[in-house]
Amino acid sequence: MSGFIEGEDRNQATLFPERLDDYVTEDNPVRVIDVFVDDLDISGLGFKAEPAATGRPAYHPKTMLKLYVYGYLNREQSSRRLERAAQRNVELMWLTGRLAPDFKTIADFRKDNGEAIRLVCREFVMLCKKLDLLSDQLVAIDGSKFKAVNSRDRNFTRAKMKRRLEDVEASIDRYLQRLAEADQVEPAADDAEVLQAKVGKLRAELQRLKKLEVRMLEAPDKQLSLTDPDARSMNSRGTGVVGYNVQSAVDSKHHLIIAHEVSNVGSDRSQLATMARQAKDVLEADKLDVVADRGYYNGNEIRSCEQAGIDAYLPKPATSPNKAKGQFDRSAFRYIEADDEYECPAGERLTYRFTRTEAGKEIRRYWTSACTHCAIKAQCTSGDYRRVSRWVHADVLERAQQRLDERPEIMRMRRATVEHPFGTIKSWMGSTHLQMKTLPRVSTEMSLHVLAYNMKRAINLLGTEKIVATIRA
């Protein structure tokens, strides 16, 4: 092997064995995990810190937590992979003191300490705040769909169930028709038996689907998932995905996730105020600007943000079909606050008529009697009168639109801020995304992913030694 780099002889004995610490450099990220977990108040977070009086001693919660944080930081989320890694990975040997729990012990720790693990994620966010990595100026909020441990074939909605039942019934009719045709020409006995067996299987499947339909209709949202009961079918970029809707609030300074929430509701409409308040509490700010996409547009949510001292920036979705019909849309009608009237494109005044409640909102209705002889009525309405509705708190929406008009570039900032963390985490997860089942356990899994993302981001920004020194200070 002359001329090549040669390694050491594996049979060479040494007088003094090398220490594990010699294999872990001072700038190794594993040192951040070690110092961060050791500094936590384990019992205060909800972990069981007192050993049992009888039985075999358990592993210390800090040891198990270090194992999981290291695993998620290095894309080793499986308890079986962590079991093998603890036996052969030098960094894990250093981190755990050469302890190697079995996979069941590792899996049970994650399953039994969900709330405490979520609080650990929050503790690292507070450390990032101490390190001056967060800004209290702007937070971007967005949601993303993560695939659950539940295939689309094992999820049922009313539309899917109707389609499946129709397919099975059509198949039964087709085979029965073939049997009837076969009887007329006296087919072989084997062919008739095959067709009858297929019909029997299809009828059994039909009975199974009808039982599942009863269970589905008993659910509040009329959905049923057989593998993960909490997973739901959701629309994601025009296609369906069975999974969870993960919400995140991302700081604009360094793209760190300061708050997150897992939901099995596919829509973002009711998530804005909750996520904005969580972000405001973490940053401990008196005022906060949040930006979100049009999927979050909801009058009550925007009003709740304003009442909490949060200025929301988000575009209003264009839902009116009038523009496509060649008619004036709502923006062509100008509200005159002093007179509580609307001015239409023809210059006529739409006066207030009455108030009614729609979907829990008080709506004021306006129209004018001049529509009947208006010269441009065809461009306005196909009915007798053009009526305009106004929410009693519409001034909140007008202020939100004014803020967005003054800072249109903020929507580009939103995309550059909040979509980066989701893309990174999904890349780490791989094609299957989630590994846990049910909403509480999926929330725990996402907390570990968020903790790993924030930790890696902080290490890349500041370096290991500065973070370690700050924790020890």
Protein backbone atom coordinates (compact mmCIF):
# COMPACT_ATOMS: atom_id res chain seq x y z
CA MET A 1 0.00 0.00 0.00
CA SER A 2 2.99 2.29 -0.47
CA GLY A 3 2.11 5.79 -1.65
CA PHE A 4 -1.35 5.80 -0.02
CA ILE A 5 -2.53 7.12 3.33
CA GLU A 6 -2.36 4.27 5.80
CA GLY A 7 -4.51 3.77 8.90
CA GLU A 8 -3.49 2.40 12.28
CA ASP A 9 -3.25 -1.28 12.96
CA ARG A 10 -6.48 -2.32 14.67
CA ASN A 11 -4.54 -4.85 16.78
CA GLN A 12 -2.08 -2.25 18.09
CA ALA A 13 -2.23 -2.03 21.90
CA THR A 14 -1.87 1.28 23.76
CA LEU A 15 -0.57 1.88 27.26
CA PHE A 16 -3.34 4.35 28.11
CA PRO A 17 -6.72 3.96 26.33
CA GLU A 18 -7.99 7.14 24.70
CA ARG A 19 -10.83 8.97 26.48
CA LEU A 20 -14.23 9.36 24.84
CA ASP A 21 -13.86 13.10 25.32
CA ASP A 22 -10.89 13.05 22.96
CA TYR A 23 -13.21 12.04 20.12
CA VAL A 24 -15.60 14.97 20.67
CA THR A 25 -14.19 18.32 19.56
CA GLU A 26 -14.90 21.52 21.46
CA ASP A 27 -17.08 22.86 18.64
CA ASN A 28 -19.13 19.65 18.27
CA PRO A 29 -22.91 20.37 18.44
CA VAL A 30 -23.32 17.46 20.85
CA ARG A 31 -21.79 19.68 23.57
CA VAL A 32 -24.70 22.11 23.19
CA ILE A 33 -27.16 19.26 23.75
CA ASP A 34 -25.26 18.11 26.84
CA VAL A 35 -25.06 21.54 28.49
CA PHE A 36 -28.60 22.59 27.53
CA VAL A 37 -30.28 19.45 28.92
CA ASP A 38 -28.14 19.41 32.07
CA ASP A 39 -29.21 23.00 32.79
CA LEU A 40 -32.96 22.19 32.59
CA ASP A 41 -35.15 21.90 35.66
CA ILE A 42 -36.43 18.45 34.77
CA SER A 43 -38.96 18.10 37.58
CA GLY A 44 -40.35 21.59 36.93
CA LEU A 45 -41.01 20.69 33.29
CA GLY A 46 -43.01 17.60 34.23
CA PHE A 47 -40.52 14.76 33.86
CA LYS A 48 -40.42 12.13 36.59
CA ALA A 49 -37.16 13.03 38.33
CA GLU A 50 -37.46 10.83 41.43
CA PRO A 51 -36.39 7.16 41.05
CA ALA A 52 -38.82 4.42 42.03
CA ALA A 53 -38.37 2.87 45.49
CA THR A 54 -38.52 -0.68 44.16
CA GLY A 55 -37.69 -2.51 40.98
CA ARG A 56 -34.92 -2.03 38.48
CA PRO A 57 -33.52 1.54 38.38
CA ALA A 58 -34.76 3.56 35.40
CA TYR A 59 -32.72 5.69 33.04
CA HIS A 60 -32.53 9.34 34.09
CA PRO A 61 -34.89 11.58 32.07
CA LYS A 62 -31.96 13.81 31.10
CA THR A 63 -30.17 10.84 29.54
CA MET A 64 -33.24 9.90 27.50
CA LEU A 65 -33.87 13.51 26.49
CA LYS A 66 -30.28 13.90 25.29
CA LEU A 67 -30.70 10.74 23.24
CA TYR A 68 -33.83 12.08 21.52
CA VAL A 69 -32.50 15.59 20.88
CA TYR A 70 -29.37 14.09 19.34
CA GLY A 71 -31.48 11.74 17.24
CA TYR A 72 -33.74 14.45 15.81
CA LEU A 73 -30.75 16.74 15.26
CA ASN A 74 -29.16 14.00 13.14
CA ARG A 75 -32.30 12.68 11.41
CA GLU A 76 -32.53 9.54 13.53
CA GLN A 77 -36.15 9.67 14.75
CA SER A 78 -36.85 5.94 15.02
CA SER A 79 -36.49 4.34 18.47
CA ARG A 80 -34.89 1.25 16.88
CA ARG A 81 -32.34 3.35 15.03
CA LEU A 82 -31.56 5.24 18.22
CA GLU A 83 -31.04 1.92 20.01
CA ARG A 84 -28.43 0.87 17.43
CA ALA A 85 -26.84 4.32 17.33
CA ALA A 86 -26.35 4.32 21.13
CA GLN A 87 -24.32 1.12 20.78
CA ARG A 88 -21.98 2.24 18.00
CA ASN A 89 -22.02 6.04 17.74
CA VAL A 90 -19.10 7.61 19.61
CA GLU A 91 -20.89 10.96 20.05
CA LEU A 92 -23.88 9.22 21.66
CA MET A 93 -21.58 7.15 23.87
CA TRP A 94 -20.03 10.40 25.08
CA LEU A 95 -23.44 12.04 25.53
CA THR A 96 -25.12 9.20 27.44
CA GLY A 97 -22.11 7.85 29.33
CA ARG A 98 -22.15 4.65 27.23
CA LEU A 99 -25.69 3.83 28.24
CA ALA A 100 -27.68 2.01 25.55
CA PRO A 101 -31.42 1.72 26.34
CA ASP A 102 -33.50 -0.74 24.33
CA PHE A 103 -35.90 0.55 21.70
CA LYS A 104 -39.02 -0.04 23.84
CA THR A 105 -37.62 2.10 26.67
CA ILE A 106 -36.71 4.81 24.18
CA ALA A 107 -40.17 4.75 22.54
CA ASP A 108 -42.01 4.78 25.88
CA PHE A 109 -40.11 7.89 27.02
CA ARG A 110 -41.36 9.87 24.04
CA LYS A 111 -44.86 8.48 24.43
CA ASP A 112 -45.15 9.18 28.19
CA ASN A 113 -43.55 12.65 28.37
CA GLY A 114 -45.24 14.56 25.57
CA GLU A 115 -46.18 17.71 27.47
CA ALA A 116 -42.76 17.94 29.17
CA ILE A 117 -40.96 17.59 25.82
CA ARG A 118 -43.10 20.39 24.37
CA LEU A 119 -42.03 22.61 27.28
CA VAL A 120 -38.36 21.76 26.57
CA CYS A 121 -38.89 23.14 23.06
CA ARG A 122 -40.17 26.38 24.59
CA GLU A 123 -37.16 26.52 26.93
CA PHE A 124 -34.80 26.55 23.96
CA VAL A 125 -36.80 29.39 22.38
CA MET A 126 -36.28 31.36 25.58
CA LEU A 127 -32.55 30.59 25.35
CA CYS A 128 -32.57 31.97 21.80
CA LYS A 129 -34.16 35.12 23.15
CA LYS A 130 -31.39 35.37 25.76
CA LEU A 131 -28.86 34.98 22.94
CA ASP A 132 -30.48 37.96 21.15
CA LEU A 133 -31.50 35.82 18.19
CA LEU A 134 -35.11 36.99 18.20
CA SER A 135 -36.70 40.23 17.08
CA ASP A 136 -39.91 41.71 18.45
CA GLN A 137 -40.70 43.56 15.23
CA LEU A 138 -42.24 41.06 12.81
CA VAL A 139 -43.47 37.46 12.99
CA ALA A 140 -44.68 35.42 10.00
CA ILE A 141 -47.41 32.81 10.50
CA ASP A 142 -48.15 29.92 8.20
CA GLY A 143 -49.42 26.34 8.20
CA SER A 144 -48.30 23.25 6.35
CA LYS A 145 -49.78 19.77 5.91
CA PHE A 146 -47.73 16.83 7.18
CA LYS A 147 -48.55 13.28 6.10
CA ALA A 148 -49.79 11.02 8.89
CA VAL A 149 -49.27 7.28 9.40
CA ASN A 150 -52.52 6.64 7.53
CA SER A 151 -52.89 5.92 3.83
CA ARG A 152 -55.58 7.59 1.76
CA ASP A 153 -57.27 4.20 1.24
CA ARG A 154 -57.79 3.89 5.00
CA ASN A 155 -59.38 7.31 5.35
CA PHE A 156 -63.06 7.86 4.62
CA THR A 157 -65.07 11.02 4.01
CA ARG A 158 -68.67 11.14 2.85
CA ALA A 159 -67.59 11.67 -0.76
CA LYS A 160 -65.03 8.86 -0.63
CA MET A 161 -67.47 6.48 1.01
CA LYS A 162 -70.17 7.22 -1.55
CA ARG A 163 -67.70 6.64 -4.38
CA ARG A 164 -66.40 3.36 -2.87
CA LEU A 165 -69.93 2.03 -2.31
CA GLU A 166 -70.92 2.89 -5.87
CA ASP A 167 -67.81 1.15 -7.23
CA VAL A 168 -68.47 -2.03 -5.25
CA GLU A 169 -72.15 -2.12 -6.18
CA ALA A 170 -71.28 -1.58 -9.86
CA SER A 171 -68.76 -4.45 -9.68
CA ILE A 172 -71.38 -6.75 -8.11
CA ASP A 173 -73.89 -5.87 -10.87
CA ARG A 174 -71.24 -6.50 -13.53
CA TYR A 175 -70.39 -9.97 -12.18
CA LEU A 176 -74.06 -10.87 -11.76
CA GLN A 177 -74.64 -9.86 -15.38
CA ARG A 178 -71.78 -12.11 -16.46
CA LEU A 179 -73.27 -14.98 -14.42
CA ALA A 180 -76.64 -14.48 -16.10
CA GLU A 181 -75.02 -14.50 -19.53
CA ALA A 182 -72.98 -17.57 -18.62
CA ASP A 183 -76.11 -19.48 -17.54
CA GLN A 184 -77.56 -19.12 -21.03
CA VAL A 185 -74.58 -20.79 -22.74
CA GLU A 186 -73.92 -23.44 -20.05
CA PRO A 187 -70.36 -22.44 -19.02
CA ALA A 188 -67.83 -24.63 -17.28
CA ALA A 189 -68.55 -25.20 -13.58
CA ASP A 190 -65.18 -23.70 -12.63
CA ASP A 191 -65.99 -20.38 -14.32
CA ALA A 192 -69.31 -20.08 -12.50
CA GLU A 193 -67.68 -20.86 -9.16
CA VAL A 194 -65.01 -18.18 -9.74
CA LEU A 195 -67.65 -15.56 -10.53
CA GLN A 196 -69.76 -16.54 -7.53
CA ALA A 197 -66.69 -16.33 -5.26
CA LYS A 198 -65.94 -12.83 -6.54
CA VAL A 199 -69.53 -11.75 -5.94
CA GLY A 200 -69.33 -13.14 -2.39
CA LYS A 201 -66.15 -11.18 -1.65
CA LEU A 202 -67.66 -8.00 -3.03
CA ARG A 203 -70.79 -8.42 -0.93
CA ALA A 204 -68.64 -8.93 2.17
CA GLU A 205 -66.73 -5.74 1.26
CA LEU A 206 -70.04 -3.92 0.82
CA GLN A 207 -71.12 -4.95 4.33
CA ARG A 208 -67.76 -3.83 5.74
CA LEU A 209 -68.03 -0.43 4.08
CA LYS A 210 -71.57 0.08 5.39
CA LYS A 211 -70.39 -0.62 8.95
CA LEU A 212 -67.55 1.86 8.46
CA GLU A 213 -70.06 4.39 7.09
CA VAL A 214 -72.03 4.20 10.34
CA ARG A 215 -68.85 4.91 12.34
CA MET A 216 -67.92 7.75 9.98
CA LEU A 217 -71.29 9.47 10.29
CA GLU A 218 -71.05 9.34 14.09
CA ALA A 219 -67.85 11.43 14.01
CA PRO A 220 -68.31 15.22 14.49
CA ASP A 221 -66.53 16.07 11.23
CA LYS A 222 -67.92 13.04 9.34
CA GLN A 223 -64.46 11.55 8.74
CA LEU A 224 -62.94 8.21 9.71
CA SER A 225 -59.27 7.16 9.70
CA LEU A 226 -58.54 3.54 10.51
CA THR A 227 -54.77 3.62 11.24
CA ASP A 228 -54.44 6.99 12.97
CA PRO A 229 -57.87 7.94 14.34
CA ASP A 230 -56.96 11.64 14.63
CA ALA A 231 -55.61 12.05 11.09
CA ARG A 232 -57.84 13.91 8.66
CA SER A 233 -58.08 14.30 4.91
CA MET A 234 -56.97 17.83 3.96
CA ASN A 235 -56.48 19.82 0.80
CA SER A 236 -52.82 20.52 0.08
CA ARG A 237 -51.79 22.38 -3.09
CA GLY A 238 -54.77 21.08 -5.00
CA THR A 239 -54.43 17.45 -3.93
CA GLY A 240 -55.63 15.53 -0.90
CA VAL A 241 -53.35 14.45 1.94
CA VAL A 242 -54.26 12.50 5.07
CA GLY A 243 -52.37 14.17 7.86
CA TYR A 244 -52.13 17.10 10.25
CA ASN A 245 -52.05 20.86 9.87
CA VAL A 246 -48.93 22.22 11.59
CA GLN A 247 -49.00 25.94 12.42
CA SER A 248 -45.84 27.93 13.10
CA ALA A 249 -44.91 31.49 14.03
CA VAL A 250 -41.45 32.32 12.69
CA ASP A 251 -39.33 35.28 13.74
CA SER A 252 -38.19 37.44 10.84
CA LYS A 253 -34.68 38.10 12.19
CA HIS A 254 -33.15 34.61 11.90
CA HIS A 255 -36.12 32.42 10.84
CA LEU A 256 -36.39 30.70 14.22
CA ILE A 257 -39.71 29.03 15.10
CA ILE A 258 -40.95 30.74 18.26
CA ALA A 259 -44.35 29.03 18.51
CA HIS A 260 -46.01 26.05 16.88
CA GLU A 261 -49.24 24.12 17.14
CA VAL A 262 -50.52 20.86 15.62
CA SER A 263 -54.14 20.63 14.52
CA ASN A 264 -56.24 18.14 12.58
CA VAL A 265 -58.40 20.93 11.14
CA GLY A 266 -57.42 21.52 7.53
CA SER A 267 -58.38 25.20 7.34
CA ASP A 268 -56.20 28.07 8.64
CA ARG A 269 -59.14 30.48 9.07
CA SER A 270 -59.35 30.18 12.87
CA GLN A 271 -55.61 29.94 13.65
CA LEU A 272 -54.33 33.51 13.29
CA ALA A 273 -55.13 35.02 16.70
CA THR A 274 -54.02 31.93 18.65
CA MET A 275 -50.61 31.76 16.99
CA ALA A 276 -50.11 35.53 17.14
CA ARG A 277 -50.84 35.63 20.87
CA GLN A 278 -48.45 32.74 21.51
CA ALA A 279 -45.70 34.59 19.63
CA LYS A 280 -46.40 37.80 21.53
CA ASP A 281 -46.21 35.97 24.87
CA VAL A 282 -42.86 34.40 23.98
CA LEU A 283 -41.37 37.71 22.82
CA GLU A 284 -42.93 39.57 25.79
CA ALA A 285 -43.64 42.48 23.45
CA ASP A 286 -46.20 45.23 24.02
CA LYS A 287 -46.88 45.53 20.28
CA LEU A 288 -46.25 43.05 17.50
CA ASP A 289 -46.65 42.90 13.72
CA VAL A 290 -47.68 39.56 12.22
CA VAL A 291 -48.01 38.66 8.55
CA ALA A 292 -49.93 35.74 7.07
CA ASP A 293 -51.32 34.67 3.72
CA ARG A 294 -54.92 35.09 2.54
CA GLY A 295 -55.86 31.66 3.92
CA TYR A 296 -55.98 33.24 7.40
CA TYR A 297 -58.34 36.05 6.47
CA ASN A 298 -61.09 36.10 9.08
CA GLY A 299 -62.70 39.23 10.51
CA ASN A 300 -63.05 37.91 14.05
CA GLU A 301 -59.43 36.71 14.09
CA ILE A 302 -58.10 40.05 12.84
CA ARG A 303 -60.21 41.87 15.44
CA SER A 304 -58.91 39.59 18.22
CA CYS A 305 -55.36 40.38 17.15
CA GLU A 306 -56.04 44.12 17.24
CA GLN A 307 -57.55 43.85 20.72
CA ALA A 308 -54.39 42.04 21.89
CA GLY A 309 -52.09 44.78 20.55
CA ILE A 310 -51.14 42.87 17.40
CA ASP A 311 -51.22 44.43 13.93
CA ALA A 312 -52.06 41.80 11.33
CA TYR A 313 -50.96 42.08 7.70
CA LEU A 314 -52.77 39.77 5.29
CA PRO A 315 -54.46 40.16 1.90
CA LYS A 316 -58.20 39.82 1.46
CA PRO A 317 -59.22 36.89 -0.77
CA ALA A 318 -61.16 37.83 -3.90
CA THR A 319 -64.29 35.69 -3.54
CA SER A 320 -66.83 37.79 -5.45
CA PRO A 321 -67.80 36.46 -8.92
CA ASN A 322 -68.95 39.90 -10.10
CA LYS A 323 -65.67 40.89 -11.74
CA ALA A 324 -65.65 37.70 -13.82
CA LYS A 325 -69.21 38.53 -14.90
CA GLY A 326 -68.12 41.99 -16.05
CA GLN A 327 -69.87 43.72 -13.15
CA PHE A 328 -68.64 46.11 -10.44
CA ASP A 329 -67.16 44.34 -7.43
CA ARG A 330 -67.38 45.54 -3.83
CA SER A 331 -64.31 47.79 -4.12
CA ALA A 332 -66.22 50.07 -6.53
CA PHE A 333 -68.54 51.15 -3.68
CA ARG A 334 -67.04 53.81 -1.40
CA TYR A 335 -68.12 53.93 2.24
CA ILE A 336 -68.81 57.41 3.63
CA GLU A 337 -68.35 57.06 7.38
CA ALA A 338 -69.81 60.46 8.33
CA ASP A 339 -73.17 59.63 6.74
CA ASP A 340 -73.04 55.83 7.19
CA GLU A 341 -73.77 55.42 3.48
CA TYR A 342 -72.15 53.91 0.40
CA GLU A 343 -71.59 55.74 -2.87
CA CYS A 344 -72.01 53.58 -5.97
CA PRO A 345 -70.17 54.04 -9.34
CA ALA A 346 -73.19 55.98 -10.67
CA GLY A 347 -72.87 58.51 -7.82
CA GLU A 348 -76.01 57.38 -5.99
CA ARG A 349 -76.09 56.90 -2.21
CA LEU A 350 -76.89 53.45 -0.73
CA THR A 351 -78.57 54.09 2.62
CA TYR A 352 -78.73 51.84 5.67
CA ARG A 353 -81.82 49.61 5.79
CA PHE A 354 -81.53 47.02 8.57
CA THR A 355 -79.16 44.80 10.56
CA ARG A 356 -79.23 41.02 10.70
CA THR A 357 -77.03 38.22 12.08
CA GLU A 358 -75.16 36.00 9.64
CA ALA A 359 -72.82 33.22 10.89
CA GLY A 360 -72.59 34.92 14.28
CA LYS A 361 -71.76 38.36 12.82
CA GLU A 362 -73.94 41.47 12.86
CA ILE A 363 -74.30 42.58 9.25
CA ARG A 364 -75.69 45.96 8.15
CA ARG A 365 -77.44 46.10 4.77
CA TYR A 366 -77.45 49.06 2.35
CA TRP A 367 -79.17 49.79 -0.98
CA THR A 368 -80.85 52.56 -2.97
CA SER A 369 -84.15 52.73 -4.81
CA ALA A 370 -82.42 54.48 -7.73
CA CYS A 371 -81.28 51.10 -9.16
CA THR A 372 -84.54 50.64 -11.11
CA HIS A 373 -83.80 53.53 -13.51
CA CYS A 374 -79.96 53.49 -13.41
CA ALA A 375 -78.25 53.68 -16.82
CA ILE A 376 -75.41 51.33 -15.81
CA LYS A 377 -77.48 48.83 -13.86
CA ALA A 378 -76.39 45.96 -16.15
CA GLN A 379 -72.79 46.53 -15.02
CA CYS A 380 -73.85 46.42 -11.37
CA THR A 381 -76.46 43.73 -10.74
CA SER A 382 -78.79 41.32 -12.48
CA GLY A 383 -81.41 41.71 -9.72
CA ASP A 384 -83.77 44.51 -8.89
CA TYR A 385 -81.33 46.26 -6.53
CA ARG A 386 -77.60 46.11 -5.75
CA ARG A 387 -77.32 45.45 -2.00
CA VAL A 388 -74.12 45.97 -0.06
CA SER A 389 -73.40 44.26 3.27
CA ARG A 390 -71.13 45.67 5.96
CA TRP A 391 -69.93 44.00 9.16
CA VAL A 392 -70.39 46.21 12.23
CA HIS A 393 -66.63 45.94 12.87
CA ALA A 394 -65.62 46.46 9.25
CA ASP A 395 -63.34 49.32 10.32
CA VAL A 396 -60.94 46.64 11.64
CA LEU A 397 -60.67 45.14 8.16
CA GLU A 398 -60.25 48.56 6.57
CA ARG A 399 -57.33 49.34 8.88
CA ALA A 400 -55.76 45.97 8.02
CA GLN A 401 -56.07 46.72 4.31
CA GLN A 402 -54.59 50.19 4.81
CA ARG A 403 -51.59 48.72 6.65
CA LEU A 404 -51.01 46.27 3.80
CA ASP A 405 -51.30 49.01 1.17
CA GLU A 406 -48.61 51.00 3.00
CA ARG A 407 -46.24 48.00 3.21
CA PRO A 408 -46.86 45.76 0.17
CA GLU A 409 -43.32 44.34 0.37
CA ILE A 410 -44.21 42.60 3.64
CA MET A 411 -45.83 39.72 1.74
CA ARG A 412 -42.51 38.91 0.06
CA MET A 413 -40.89 38.96 3.49
CA ARG A 414 -43.53 36.51 4.73
CA ARG A 415 -42.73 33.96 2.06
CA ALA A 416 -38.97 34.23 2.60
CA THR A 417 -39.39 33.91 6.38
CA VAL A 418 -41.95 31.25 7.16
CA GLU A 419 -41.67 28.77 4.29
CA HIS A 420 -37.97 28.06 4.83
CA PRO A 421 -38.40 26.21 8.19
CA PHE A 422 -41.18 23.99 6.86
CA GLY A 423 -39.10 23.01 3.82
CA THR A 424 -36.10 22.20 6.00
CA ILE A 425 -38.05 20.09 8.48
CA LYS A 426 -39.85 18.13 5.74
CA SER A 427 -36.51 17.47 4.09
CA TRP A 428 -35.20 16.02 7.38
CA MET A 429 -38.33 13.90 7.83
CA GLY A 430 -38.15 12.28 4.42
CA SER A 431 -41.08 11.21 2.27
CA THR A 432 -43.09 9.65 5.09
CA HIS A 433 -43.13 12.78 7.33
CA LEU A 434 -44.65 11.73 10.67
CA GLN A 435 -43.97 8.49 12.56
CA MET A 436 -46.29 8.86 15.57
CA LYS A 437 -50.06 8.38 15.72
CA THR A 438 -52.81 10.45 17.40
CA LEU A 439 -52.78 14.20 17.91
CA PRO A 440 -50.97 14.38 21.31
CA ARG A 441 -48.10 12.17 20.14
CA VAL A 442 -47.79 13.94 16.80
CA SER A 443 -47.55 17.22 18.76
CA THR A 444 -44.66 15.71 20.75
CA GLU A 445 -42.92 14.59 17.57
CA MET A 446 -43.27 18.05 16.02
CA SER A 447 -41.87 19.67 19.18
CA LEU A 448 -38.74 17.53 18.83
CA HIS A 449 -38.41 18.51 15.17
CA VAL A 450 -38.84 22.20 16.01
CA LEU A 451 -36.32 21.93 18.85
CA ALA A 452 -33.80 20.26 16.53
CA TYR A 453 -34.38 22.88 13.81
CA ASN A 454 -33.96 25.81 16.21
CA MET A 455 -30.88 24.25 17.82
CA LYS A 456 -29.14 23.62 14.50
CA ARG A 457 -30.02 27.13 13.33
CA ALA A 458 -28.65 28.71 16.51
CA ILE A 459 -25.43 26.67 16.31
CA ASN A 460 -24.91 27.72 12.68
CA LEU A 461 -25.46 31.37 13.61
CA LEU A 462 -23.41 31.63 16.81
CA GLY A 463 -21.28 28.52 17.08
CA THR A 464 -21.14 25.88 19.79
CA GLU A 465 -18.76 27.60 22.17
CA LYS A 466 -20.76 30.82 22.51
CA ILE A 467 -24.00 28.97 23.21
CA VAL A 468 -22.32 26.72 25.77
CA ALA A 469 -20.75 29.72 27.48
CA THR A 470 -24.13 31.54 27.63
CA ILE A 471 -25.88 28.53 29.19
CA ARG A 472 -23.16 28.11 31.81
CA ALA A 473 -23.10 31.83 32.67
